[in-house]
Amino acid sequence: MNDRLLVLVRHGQSEWNLKNLFTGWKDPDLTDKGIAEAKDAGRRLKAQGLSFDIAFTSVLKRAQRTLDLALVEIGQTGLPVRKHLALNERDYGELSGLNKDDARKKWGEEQVHVWRRSYDVPPPGGESLKDTLARTLPYYVQEILPCVLRGQRTLVVAHGNSLRALIMVLEKLTPEGILARELATGVPVIYRLNADATVASKLDLAA
């Protein structure tokens, strides 16, 4: 029987997470804490006895570095890795690089809250969560899911909003349900799928 393993990990803390900046498609590196979170994710997966056949990540440094550090801990530095911008974080447009408090001063608390927490209202020049799902989900269906269903043990290291797209499908969540879901940095979520791509089991490795 195929294992049909799919593990999702949000990248470790980035320099801009620490500074409370809107990051989006900007490309800051991990902080020391983020590096530790990435290594810890690898150690937790190894402790579960897991190894992988393939990995997917975005084209952004913080996700790629998290994946690399985790794979060192697992002992799989030669694992095939596919990188694609479909897994990039949501593009925050004109908000990118701004401190969240400064953005509230410029546009108002209520407007910034709408941009951050609504499903389909994008910030100026950026993407809504709905837009992010529209590019992430086809990539999942066409590239990632077939690997899982073939029995390839699959690791995906990406971003809070792009991973929400996958979780929305896996857990059959509504737009409201996915908005309420927060993903901690560097914490693996382990899914095993049925042959019809539905979830057979889920294990969150939060401490």
N, C-alpha and C. Protein backbone atom coordinates (compact mmCIF):
# COMPACT_ATOMS: atom_id res chain seq x y z
N MET A 1 0.84 -1.20 0.00
CA MET A 1 0.00 0.00 0.00
C MET A 1 0.88 1.26 0.00
N ASN A 2 0.51 2.22 -0.84
CA ASN A 2 1.25 3.47 -0.89
C ASN A 2 1.06 4.27 0.40
N ASP A 3 2.11 4.97 0.81
CA ASP A 3 2.03 5.77 2.03
C ASP A 3 1.27 7.08 1.79
N ARG A 4 1.38 7.64 0.57
CA ARG A 4 0.70 8.90 0.21
C ARG A 4 0.89 9.96 1.28
N LEU A 5 2.16 10.28 1.52
CA LEU A 5 2.55 11.22 2.57
C LEU A 5 2.74 12.61 2.00
N LEU A 6 2.15 13.61 2.66
CA LEU A 6 2.32 15.02 2.28
C LEU A 6 2.59 15.81 3.55
N VAL A 7 3.75 16.45 3.62
CA VAL A 7 4.10 17.26 4.78
C VAL A 7 4.25 18.72 4.36
N LEU A 8 3.58 19.61 5.08
CA LEU A 8 3.63 21.06 4.82
C LEU A 8 4.39 21.74 5.94
N VAL A 9 5.30 22.66 5.57
CA VAL A 9 6.04 23.43 6.57
C VAL A 9 6.09 24.89 6.12
N ARG A 10 5.68 25.80 6.98
CA ARG A 10 5.89 27.22 6.73
C ARG A 10 7.34 27.57 7.09
N HIS A 11 7.97 28.41 6.28
CA HIS A 11 9.36 28.78 6.52
C HIS A 11 9.57 29.32 7.94
N GLY A 12 10.81 29.26 8.41
CA GLY A 12 11.16 29.83 9.71
C GLY A 12 11.05 31.35 9.70
N GLN A 13 11.13 31.93 10.87
CA GLN A 13 11.00 33.39 11.00
C GLN A 13 12.00 34.12 10.09
N SER A 14 11.51 35.10 9.33
CA SER A 14 12.39 35.89 8.48
C SER A 14 12.74 37.21 9.16
N GLU A 15 13.73 37.88 8.59
CA GLU A 15 14.15 39.18 9.14
C GLU A 15 12.99 40.18 9.13
N TRP A 16 12.14 40.08 8.13
CA TRP A 16 11.01 41.02 8.05
C TRP A 16 9.85 40.60 8.95
N ASN A 17 9.71 39.31 9.20
CA ASN A 17 8.74 38.89 10.24
C ASN A 17 9.10 39.57 11.56
N LEU A 18 10.40 39.52 11.87
CA LEU A 18 10.89 40.08 13.13
C LEU A 18 10.63 41.58 13.21
N LYS A 19 10.78 42.27 12.07
CA LYS A 19 10.61 43.73 12.04
C LYS A 19 9.16 44.17 11.84
N ASN A 20 8.24 43.20 11.75
CA ASN A 20 6.81 43.49 11.59
C ASN A 20 6.53 44.18 10.26
N LEU A 21 7.23 43.75 9.20
CA LEU A 21 7.04 44.33 7.88
C LEU A 21 6.21 43.40 7.00
N PHE A 22 5.42 44.00 6.09
CA PHE A 22 4.76 43.21 5.06
C PHE A 22 5.84 42.70 4.10
N THR A 23 5.89 41.40 3.90
CA THR A 23 6.98 40.82 3.13
C THR A 23 6.58 40.47 1.70
N GLY A 24 5.56 39.62 1.55
CA GLY A 24 5.11 39.26 0.22
C GLY A 24 6.22 38.63 -0.61
N TRP A 25 6.47 39.19 -1.83
CA TRP A 25 7.45 38.63 -2.74
C TRP A 25 8.85 39.19 -2.51
N LYS A 26 9.00 40.05 -1.53
CA LYS A 26 10.35 40.50 -1.17
C LYS A 26 11.12 39.31 -0.60
N ASP A 27 12.45 39.43 -0.55
CA ASP A 27 13.25 38.23 -0.34
C ASP A 27 14.23 38.30 0.83
N PRO A 28 13.76 38.65 2.03
CA PRO A 28 14.68 38.66 3.18
C PRO A 28 15.07 37.24 3.59
N ASP A 29 16.17 37.15 4.30
CA ASP A 29 16.66 35.86 4.78
C ASP A 29 16.05 35.52 6.13
N LEU A 30 16.41 34.35 6.65
CA LEU A 30 15.95 33.92 7.97
C LEU A 30 16.72 34.65 9.07
N THR A 31 16.07 34.83 10.20
CA THR A 31 16.75 35.28 11.41
C THR A 31 17.43 34.08 12.07
N ASP A 32 18.18 34.34 13.12
CA ASP A 32 18.76 33.22 13.89
C ASP A 32 17.66 32.32 14.42
N LYS A 33 16.57 32.94 14.86
CA LYS A 33 15.43 32.14 15.34
C LYS A 33 14.84 31.31 14.21
N GLY A 34 14.75 31.91 13.01
CA GLY A 34 14.22 31.19 11.86
C GLY A 34 15.09 30.00 11.48
N ILE A 35 16.40 30.18 11.56
CA ILE A 35 17.33 29.08 11.29
C ILE A 35 17.10 27.95 12.29
N ALA A 36 16.96 28.31 13.55
CA ALA A 36 16.70 27.30 14.59
C ALA A 36 15.37 26.59 14.36
N GLU A 37 14.34 27.36 13.93
CA GLU A 37 13.03 26.75 13.66
C GLU A 37 13.13 25.76 12.49
N ALA A 38 13.90 26.13 11.47
CA ALA A 38 14.05 25.25 10.31
C ALA A 38 14.74 23.95 10.70
N LYS A 39 15.81 24.06 11.47
CA LYS A 39 16.52 22.86 11.93
C LYS A 39 15.61 22.01 12.81
N ASP A 40 14.83 22.67 13.66
CA ASP A 40 13.94 21.94 14.56
C ASP A 40 12.86 21.19 13.77
N ALA A 41 12.39 21.82 12.68
CA ALA A 41 11.40 21.13 11.84
C ALA A 41 11.98 19.84 11.29
N GLY A 42 13.23 19.89 10.84
CA GLY A 42 13.88 18.68 10.35
C GLY A 42 14.03 17.63 11.42
N ARG A 43 14.42 18.07 12.60
CA ARG A 43 14.59 17.12 13.71
C ARG A 43 13.25 16.47 14.09
N ARG A 44 12.19 17.26 14.10
CA ARG A 44 10.87 16.69 14.44
C ARG A 44 10.44 15.66 13.40
N LEU A 45 10.70 15.95 12.14
CA LEU A 45 10.32 14.99 11.09
C LEU A 45 11.15 13.72 11.19
N LYS A 46 12.43 13.88 11.47
CA LYS A 46 13.29 12.70 11.63
C LYS A 46 12.84 11.87 12.82
N ALA A 47 12.44 12.55 13.90
CA ALA A 47 11.97 11.84 15.10
C ALA A 47 10.70 11.03 14.82
N GLN A 48 9.94 11.46 13.79
CA GLN A 48 8.75 10.71 13.39
C GLN A 48 9.09 9.54 12.47
N GLY A 49 10.39 9.43 12.17
CA GLY A 49 10.82 8.35 11.29
C GLY A 49 10.54 8.62 9.82
N LEU A 50 10.38 9.89 9.47
CA LEU A 50 10.00 10.24 8.11
C LEU A 50 11.21 10.54 7.24
N SER A 51 11.13 10.12 6.00
CA SER A 51 12.07 10.54 4.96
C SER A 51 11.24 10.83 3.71
N PHE A 52 11.87 11.44 2.70
CA PHE A 52 11.10 11.95 1.57
C PHE A 52 11.71 11.53 0.24
N ASP A 53 10.86 11.55 -0.79
CA ASP A 53 11.29 11.25 -2.16
C ASP A 53 11.43 12.50 -3.00
N ILE A 54 10.69 13.56 -2.65
CA ILE A 54 10.72 14.79 -3.42
C ILE A 54 10.27 15.95 -2.53
N ALA A 55 10.76 17.16 -2.85
CA ALA A 55 10.35 18.35 -2.11
C ALA A 55 9.99 19.46 -3.08
N PHE A 56 9.08 20.32 -2.64
CA PHE A 56 8.66 21.49 -3.40
C PHE A 56 8.84 22.73 -2.54
N THR A 57 9.23 23.84 -3.16
CA THR A 57 9.34 25.10 -2.43
C THR A 57 9.13 26.27 -3.38
N SER A 58 9.13 27.48 -2.84
CA SER A 58 8.93 28.67 -3.66
C SER A 58 10.26 29.14 -4.23
N VAL A 59 10.24 30.27 -4.90
CA VAL A 59 11.49 30.84 -5.43
C VAL A 59 12.09 31.84 -4.44
N LEU A 60 11.55 31.91 -3.25
CA LEU A 60 12.01 32.88 -2.26
C LEU A 60 12.98 32.23 -1.26
N LYS A 61 13.98 33.01 -0.90
CA LYS A 61 15.11 32.53 -0.09
C LYS A 61 14.69 31.94 1.25
N ARG A 62 13.75 32.58 1.92
CA ARG A 62 13.41 32.12 3.27
C ARG A 62 12.80 30.72 3.27
N ALA A 63 12.04 30.39 2.22
CA ALA A 63 11.48 29.04 2.12
C ALA A 63 12.55 28.04 1.69
N GLN A 64 13.37 28.41 0.70
CA GLN A 64 14.41 27.50 0.23
C GLN A 64 15.41 27.18 1.34
N ARG A 65 15.79 28.21 2.10
CA ARG A 65 16.78 27.98 3.16
C ARG A 65 16.19 27.11 4.27
N THR A 66 14.91 27.33 4.59
CA THR A 66 14.24 26.48 5.58
C THR A 66 14.27 25.03 5.13
N LEU A 67 13.95 24.80 3.86
CA LEU A 67 13.98 23.44 3.32
C LEU A 67 15.38 22.85 3.42
N ASP A 68 16.39 23.60 3.00
CA ASP A 68 17.77 23.11 3.01
C ASP A 68 18.20 22.72 4.43
N LEU A 69 17.90 23.58 5.39
CA LEU A 69 18.30 23.32 6.77
C LEU A 69 17.58 22.11 7.35
N ALA A 70 16.29 21.98 7.02
CA ALA A 70 15.53 20.82 7.50
C ALA A 70 16.08 19.52 6.91
N LEU A 71 16.43 19.56 5.62
CA LEU A 71 16.93 18.35 4.97
C LEU A 71 18.28 17.91 5.54
N VAL A 72 19.09 18.86 5.96
CA VAL A 72 20.36 18.50 6.62
C VAL A 72 20.07 17.68 7.87
N GLU A 73 19.08 18.13 8.65
CA GLU A 73 18.74 17.43 9.90
C GLU A 73 18.16 16.04 9.62
N ILE A 74 17.40 15.93 8.54
CA ILE A 74 16.79 14.64 8.20
C ILE A 74 17.85 13.70 7.61
N GLY A 75 18.92 14.30 7.05
CA GLY A 75 19.96 13.51 6.41
C GLY A 75 19.67 13.24 4.94
N GLN A 76 18.97 14.20 4.30
CA GLN A 76 18.58 14.01 2.89
C GLN A 76 18.97 15.22 2.04
N THR A 77 20.22 15.64 2.11
CA THR A 77 20.63 16.85 1.41
C THR A 77 20.59 16.70 -0.11
N GLY A 78 20.57 15.48 -0.64
CA GLY A 78 20.53 15.28 -2.09
C GLY A 78 19.12 15.12 -2.65
N LEU A 79 18.10 15.41 -1.86
CA LEU A 79 16.71 15.19 -2.29
C LEU A 79 16.37 16.06 -3.51
N PRO A 80 15.67 15.50 -4.52
CA PRO A 80 15.21 16.33 -5.64
C PRO A 80 14.25 17.42 -5.14
N VAL A 81 14.51 18.65 -5.58
CA VAL A 81 13.70 19.80 -5.13
C VAL A 81 13.18 20.56 -6.35
N ARG A 82 11.88 20.83 -6.36
CA ARG A 82 11.28 21.65 -7.42
C ARG A 82 10.89 23.01 -6.82
N LYS A 83 11.32 24.08 -7.50
CA LYS A 83 11.05 25.44 -7.03
C LYS A 83 10.13 26.13 -8.03
N HIS A 84 9.08 26.78 -7.51
CA HIS A 84 8.14 27.44 -8.43
C HIS A 84 7.49 28.64 -7.75
N LEU A 85 7.29 29.70 -8.54
CA LEU A 85 6.70 30.92 -7.96
C LEU A 85 5.22 30.74 -7.61
N ALA A 86 4.61 29.65 -8.08
CA ALA A 86 3.22 29.38 -7.68
C ALA A 86 3.11 29.19 -6.17
N LEU A 87 4.22 28.80 -5.54
CA LEU A 87 4.21 28.58 -4.09
C LEU A 87 4.68 29.81 -3.31
N ASN A 88 4.96 30.92 -4.03
CA ASN A 88 5.38 32.15 -3.34
C ASN A 88 4.31 32.66 -2.39
N GLU A 89 4.75 33.46 -1.44
CA GLU A 89 3.84 34.14 -0.53
C GLU A 89 2.90 35.06 -1.33
N ARG A 90 1.81 35.41 -0.72
CA ARG A 90 0.91 36.41 -1.29
C ARG A 90 1.67 37.71 -1.55
N ASP A 91 1.42 38.32 -2.71
CA ASP A 91 2.06 39.59 -3.07
C ASP A 91 1.27 40.74 -2.40
N TYR A 92 1.95 41.46 -1.52
CA TYR A 92 1.27 42.55 -0.81
C TYR A 92 1.32 43.89 -1.54
N GLY A 93 1.85 43.91 -2.77
CA GLY A 93 1.80 45.12 -3.57
C GLY A 93 2.44 46.31 -2.88
N GLU A 94 1.72 47.41 -2.79
CA GLU A 94 2.25 48.65 -2.21
C GLU A 94 2.53 48.54 -0.71
N LEU A 95 1.99 47.52 -0.08
CA LEU A 95 2.27 47.32 1.35
C LEU A 95 3.64 46.68 1.59
N SER A 96 4.20 46.03 0.55
CA SER A 96 5.45 45.29 0.72
C SER A 96 6.57 46.20 1.22
N GLY A 97 7.22 45.76 2.29
CA GLY A 97 8.32 46.52 2.87
C GLY A 97 7.90 47.53 3.91
N LEU A 98 6.59 47.75 4.04
CA LEU A 98 6.11 48.71 5.03
C LEU A 98 5.93 48.06 6.39
N ASN A 99 6.24 48.80 7.44
CA ASN A 99 5.89 48.37 8.78
C ASN A 99 4.37 48.36 8.91
N LYS A 100 3.85 47.33 9.55
CA LYS A 100 2.38 47.20 9.64
C LYS A 100 1.76 48.36 10.39
N ASP A 101 2.45 48.88 11.38
CA ASP A 101 1.93 50.05 12.11
C ASP A 101 1.93 51.29 11.23
N ASP A 102 2.97 51.46 10.40
CA ASP A 102 3.03 52.60 9.47
C ASP A 102 1.93 52.50 8.43
N ALA A 103 1.65 51.28 7.97
CA ALA A 103 0.58 51.09 6.99
C ALA A 103 -0.77 51.50 7.59
N ARG A 104 -0.96 51.19 8.87
CA ARG A 104 -2.22 51.57 9.52
C ARG A 104 -2.35 53.09 9.61
N LYS A 105 -1.22 53.76 9.85
CA LYS A 105 -1.24 55.23 9.92
C LYS A 105 -1.58 55.82 8.55
N LYS A 106 -1.07 55.19 7.49
CA LYS A 106 -1.27 55.73 6.14
C LYS A 106 -2.67 55.47 5.61
N TRP A 107 -3.18 54.25 5.79
CA TRP A 107 -4.46 53.88 5.19
C TRP A 107 -5.59 53.72 6.21
N GLY A 108 -5.24 53.67 7.49
CA GLY A 108 -6.26 53.47 8.51
C GLY A 108 -6.33 52.04 8.98
N GLU A 109 -6.59 51.87 10.26
CA GLU A 109 -6.64 50.54 10.88
C GLU A 109 -7.63 49.62 10.17
N GLU A 110 -8.82 50.15 9.87
CA GLU A 110 -9.89 49.33 9.31
C GLU A 110 -9.52 48.84 7.90
N GLN A 111 -8.96 49.74 7.08
CA GLN A 111 -8.63 49.36 5.72
C GLN A 111 -7.52 48.30 5.70
N VAL A 112 -6.50 48.48 6.51
CA VAL A 112 -5.41 47.50 6.55
C VAL A 112 -5.92 46.16 7.06
N HIS A 113 -6.83 46.20 8.03
CA HIS A 113 -7.42 44.95 8.53
C HIS A 113 -8.17 44.23 7.41
N VAL A 114 -8.90 44.98 6.59
CA VAL A 114 -9.63 44.38 5.46
C VAL A 114 -8.65 43.71 4.50
N TRP A 115 -7.58 44.41 4.16
CA TRP A 115 -6.59 43.83 3.24
C TRP A 115 -5.96 42.56 3.81
N ARG A 116 -5.69 42.57 5.10
CA ARG A 116 -5.01 41.42 5.71
C ARG A 116 -5.95 40.25 5.94
N ARG A 117 -7.19 40.51 6.26
CA ARG A 117 -8.07 39.45 6.75
C ARG A 117 -9.28 39.15 5.87
N SER A 118 -9.45 39.89 4.78
CA SER A 118 -10.55 39.53 3.88
C SER A 118 -10.07 38.46 2.91
N TYR A 119 -11.00 37.79 2.30
CA TYR A 119 -10.65 36.70 1.37
C TYR A 119 -10.35 37.24 -0.02
N ASP A 120 -11.09 38.25 -0.47
CA ASP A 120 -11.01 38.63 -1.88
C ASP A 120 -10.76 40.12 -2.12
N VAL A 121 -10.28 40.87 -1.11
CA VAL A 121 -9.97 42.29 -1.31
C VAL A 121 -8.45 42.45 -1.30
N PRO A 122 -7.83 42.75 -2.46
CA PRO A 122 -6.37 42.87 -2.52
C PRO A 122 -5.91 44.26 -2.08
N PRO A 123 -4.70 44.38 -1.52
CA PRO A 123 -4.11 45.68 -1.29
C PRO A 123 -3.71 46.30 -2.64
N PRO A 124 -3.46 47.60 -2.69
CA PRO A 124 -3.10 48.24 -3.97
C PRO A 124 -1.90 47.56 -4.63
N GLY A 125 -2.09 47.11 -5.87
CA GLY A 125 -1.00 46.49 -6.62
C GLY A 125 -0.63 45.08 -6.17
N GLY A 126 -1.44 44.49 -5.30
CA GLY A 126 -1.10 43.18 -4.75
C GLY A 126 -2.17 42.14 -4.98
N GLU A 127 -2.08 41.04 -4.22
CA GLU A 127 -3.00 39.92 -4.34
C GLU A 127 -3.86 39.78 -3.10
N SER A 128 -5.09 39.37 -3.30
CA SER A 128 -5.92 38.90 -2.19
C SER A 128 -5.57 37.44 -1.92
N LEU A 129 -6.10 36.90 -0.83
CA LEU A 129 -5.90 35.47 -0.57
C LEU A 129 -6.52 34.65 -1.71
N LYS A 130 -7.65 35.12 -2.21
CA LYS A 130 -8.31 34.43 -3.34
C LYS A 130 -7.38 34.39 -4.55
N ASP A 131 -6.69 35.48 -4.84
CA ASP A 131 -5.74 35.52 -5.96
C ASP A 131 -4.59 34.53 -5.73
N THR A 132 -4.11 34.47 -4.49
CA THR A 132 -3.01 33.56 -4.17
C THR A 132 -3.44 32.11 -4.38
N LEU A 133 -4.65 31.79 -3.94
CA LEU A 133 -5.16 30.43 -4.13
C LEU A 133 -5.26 30.10 -5.62
N ALA A 134 -5.63 31.11 -6.43
CA ALA A 134 -5.85 30.88 -7.86
C ALA A 134 -4.58 30.47 -8.58
N ARG A 135 -3.42 30.85 -8.07
CA ARG A 135 -2.17 30.40 -8.70
C ARG A 135 -1.55 29.19 -8.00
N THR A 136 -1.83 29.04 -6.70
CA THR A 136 -1.23 27.93 -5.96
C THR A 136 -1.96 26.60 -6.19
N LEU A 137 -3.28 26.65 -6.22
CA LEU A 137 -4.04 25.40 -6.31
C LEU A 137 -3.81 24.63 -7.61
N PRO A 138 -3.78 25.29 -8.78
CA PRO A 138 -3.49 24.51 -9.99
C PRO A 138 -2.13 23.82 -9.94
N TYR A 139 -1.14 24.48 -9.35
CA TYR A 139 0.18 23.87 -9.23
C TYR A 139 0.12 22.65 -8.31
N TYR A 140 -0.64 22.76 -7.24
CA TYR A 140 -0.80 21.62 -6.33
C TYR A 140 -1.45 20.45 -7.06
N VAL A 141 -2.52 20.73 -7.78
CA VAL A 141 -3.28 19.67 -8.44
C VAL A 141 -2.46 19.03 -9.56
N GLN A 142 -1.72 19.84 -10.30
CA GLN A 142 -1.02 19.33 -11.48
C GLN A 142 0.37 18.76 -11.17
N GLU A 143 1.05 19.28 -10.14
CA GLU A 143 2.44 18.90 -9.90
C GLU A 143 2.66 18.15 -8.58
N ILE A 144 2.06 18.66 -7.49
CA ILE A 144 2.35 18.09 -6.18
C ILE A 144 1.50 16.85 -5.90
N LEU A 145 0.19 16.99 -6.06
CA LEU A 145 -0.71 15.89 -5.73
C LEU A 145 -0.40 14.60 -6.49
N PRO A 146 -0.09 14.64 -7.80
CA PRO A 146 0.24 13.39 -8.48
C PRO A 146 1.43 12.66 -7.86
N CYS A 147 2.41 13.40 -7.36
CA CYS A 147 3.55 12.77 -6.69
C CYS A 147 3.07 12.02 -5.44
N VAL A 148 2.23 12.68 -4.66
CA VAL A 148 1.72 12.08 -3.42
C VAL A 148 0.92 10.81 -3.74
N LEU A 149 0.05 10.90 -4.73
CA LEU A 149 -0.82 9.77 -5.05
C LEU A 149 -0.04 8.60 -5.66
N ARG A 150 1.13 8.89 -6.25
CA ARG A 150 2.00 7.82 -6.75
C ARG A 150 2.77 7.14 -5.63
N GLY A 151 2.65 7.67 -4.42
CA GLY A 151 3.36 7.08 -3.30
C GLY A 151 4.71 7.72 -3.03
N GLN A 152 5.00 8.85 -3.72
CA GLN A 152 6.23 9.58 -3.42
C GLN A 152 6.01 10.42 -2.16
N ARG A 153 6.85 10.20 -1.18
CA ARG A 153 6.72 10.95 0.09
C ARG A 153 7.16 12.39 -0.17
N THR A 154 6.22 13.32 0.02
CA THR A 154 6.37 14.68 -0.50
C THR A 154 6.42 15.71 0.62
N LEU A 155 7.43 16.58 0.55
CA LEU A 155 7.61 17.68 1.51
C LEU A 155 7.43 19.00 0.78
N VAL A 156 6.59 19.89 1.32
CA VAL A 156 6.37 21.22 0.75
C VAL A 156 6.73 22.26 1.80
N VAL A 157 7.73 23.08 1.49
CA VAL A 157 8.11 24.19 2.38
C VAL A 157 7.79 25.48 1.65
N ALA A 158 6.87 26.25 2.20
CA ALA A 158 6.43 27.46 1.51
C ALA A 158 6.05 28.53 2.53
N HIS A 159 4.92 29.20 2.30
CA HIS A 159 4.59 30.43 3.03
C HIS A 159 3.19 30.33 3.63
N GLY A 160 2.91 31.21 4.59
CA GLY A 160 1.64 31.16 5.29
C GLY A 160 0.44 31.15 4.36
N ASN A 161 0.43 32.05 3.37
CA ASN A 161 -0.75 32.16 2.51
C ASN A 161 -0.78 31.13 1.40
N SER A 162 0.36 30.78 0.83
CA SER A 162 0.33 29.74 -0.22
C SER A 162 -0.02 28.38 0.38
N LEU A 163 0.45 28.12 1.60
CA LEU A 163 0.10 26.85 2.25
C LEU A 163 -1.37 26.82 2.65
N ARG A 164 -1.94 27.98 2.94
CA ARG A 164 -3.38 28.01 3.24
C ARG A 164 -4.19 27.47 2.07
N ALA A 165 -3.71 27.74 0.85
CA ALA A 165 -4.41 27.25 -0.33
C ALA A 165 -4.50 25.73 -0.31
N LEU A 166 -3.37 25.10 0.01
CA LEU A 166 -3.36 23.64 0.06
C LEU A 166 -4.23 23.12 1.19
N ILE A 167 -4.15 23.78 2.34
CA ILE A 167 -4.93 23.36 3.51
C ILE A 167 -6.42 23.53 3.25
N MET A 168 -6.77 24.59 2.53
CA MET A 168 -8.18 24.84 2.22
C MET A 168 -8.78 23.66 1.45
N VAL A 169 -8.01 23.13 0.49
CA VAL A 169 -8.47 21.99 -0.29
C VAL A 169 -8.42 20.70 0.54
N LEU A 170 -7.31 20.49 1.22
CA LEU A 170 -7.14 19.24 1.98
C LEU A 170 -8.21 19.09 3.06
N GLU A 171 -8.49 20.20 3.75
CA GLU A 171 -9.41 20.12 4.89
C GLU A 171 -10.81 20.63 4.55
N LYS A 172 -11.03 20.91 3.26
CA LYS A 172 -12.35 21.34 2.78
C LYS A 172 -12.88 22.55 3.59
N LEU A 173 -12.04 23.54 3.74
CA LEU A 173 -12.41 24.72 4.51
C LEU A 173 -13.10 25.77 3.63
N THR A 174 -13.97 26.54 4.24
CA THR A 174 -14.60 27.68 3.57
C THR A 174 -13.62 28.85 3.56
N PRO A 175 -13.90 29.90 2.75
CA PRO A 175 -13.06 31.11 2.82
C PRO A 175 -12.95 31.66 4.23
N GLU A 176 -14.04 31.62 4.98
CA GLU A 176 -14.01 32.10 6.36
C GLU A 176 -13.14 31.20 7.23
N GLY A 177 -13.24 29.91 6.99
CA GLY A 177 -12.47 28.95 7.77
C GLY A 177 -10.98 29.08 7.55
N ILE A 178 -10.58 29.33 6.29
CA ILE A 178 -9.15 29.43 6.02
C ILE A 178 -8.58 30.75 6.53
N LEU A 179 -9.40 31.80 6.57
CA LEU A 179 -8.92 33.08 7.11
C LEU A 179 -8.58 32.96 8.59
N ALA A 180 -9.29 32.09 9.28
CA ALA A 180 -9.08 31.93 10.72
C ALA A 180 -7.89 31.03 11.04
N ARG A 181 -7.33 30.36 10.03
CA ARG A 181 -6.25 29.41 10.26
C ARG A 181 -4.90 30.12 10.25
N GLU A 182 -4.19 30.01 11.35
CA GLU A 182 -2.84 30.57 11.44
C GLU A 182 -1.83 29.42 11.37
N LEU A 183 -0.76 29.64 10.65
CA LEU A 183 0.29 28.63 10.54
C LEU A 183 1.54 29.13 11.25
N ALA A 184 2.00 28.37 12.23
CA ALA A 184 3.22 28.77 12.95
C ALA A 184 4.44 28.54 12.06
N THR A 185 5.46 29.37 12.21
CA THR A 185 6.68 29.21 11.44
C THR A 185 7.43 27.96 11.89
N GLY A 186 7.88 27.19 10.91
CA GLY A 186 8.73 26.04 11.18
C GLY A 186 8.07 24.84 11.83
N VAL A 187 6.74 24.76 11.77
CA VAL A 187 6.04 23.63 12.40
C VAL A 187 5.46 22.71 11.33
N PRO A 188 5.96 21.47 11.21
CA PRO A 188 5.44 20.56 10.19
C PRO A 188 4.00 20.11 10.48
N VAL A 189 3.23 20.00 9.41
CA VAL A 189 1.90 19.39 9.48
C VAL A 189 1.91 18.19 8.54
N ILE A 190 1.63 17.02 9.08
CA ILE A 190 1.78 15.76 8.35
C ILE A 190 0.39 15.25 7.95
N TYR A 191 0.21 15.10 6.63
CA TYR A 191 -1.03 14.52 6.11
C TYR A 191 -0.72 13.19 5.45
N ARG A 192 -1.63 12.25 5.62
CA ARG A 192 -1.63 11.04 4.81
C ARG A 192 -2.96 11.00 4.07
N LEU A 193 -2.88 10.77 2.76
CA LEU A 193 -4.06 10.90 1.91
C LEU A 193 -4.61 9.53 1.51
N ASN A 194 -5.90 9.51 1.26
CA ASN A 194 -6.55 8.36 0.66
C ASN A 194 -6.30 8.38 -0.85
N ALA A 195 -6.68 7.30 -1.52
CA ALA A 195 -6.46 7.20 -2.96
C ALA A 195 -7.24 8.26 -3.74
N ASP A 196 -8.33 8.78 -3.15
CA ASP A 196 -9.12 9.81 -3.84
C ASP A 196 -8.67 11.22 -3.46
N ALA A 197 -7.50 11.35 -2.84
CA ALA A 197 -6.87 12.63 -2.47
C ALA A 197 -7.49 13.30 -1.25
N THR A 198 -8.45 12.64 -0.60
CA THR A 198 -8.96 13.16 0.65
C THR A 198 -8.00 12.80 1.78
N VAL A 199 -8.16 13.46 2.93
CA VAL A 199 -7.24 13.27 4.04
C VAL A 199 -7.62 12.03 4.86
N ALA A 200 -6.68 11.11 5.00
CA ALA A 200 -6.89 9.95 5.86
C ALA A 200 -6.52 10.27 7.30
N SER A 201 -5.44 11.05 7.47
CA SER A 201 -5.02 11.43 8.84
C SER A 201 -4.22 12.72 8.76
N LYS A 202 -4.19 13.42 9.89
CA LYS A 202 -3.43 14.67 10.00
C LYS A 202 -2.75 14.69 11.35
N LEU A 203 -1.48 15.13 11.35
CA LEU A 203 -0.73 15.27 12.60
C LEU A 203 0.03 16.59 12.56
N ASP A 204 -0.27 17.46 13.50
CA ASP A 204 0.41 18.76 13.61
C ASP A 204 1.52 18.60 14.64
N LEU A 205 2.77 18.90 14.24
CA LEU A 205 3.91 18.69 15.14
C LEU A 205 4.24 19.93 15.96
N ALA A 206 3.24 20.75 16.25
CA ALA A 206 3.46 21.90 17.12
C ALA A 206 3.95 21.43 18.47
N ALA A 207 4.86 22.19 19.04
CA ALA A 207 5.46 21.80 20.34
C ALA A 207 4.41 21.79 21.43
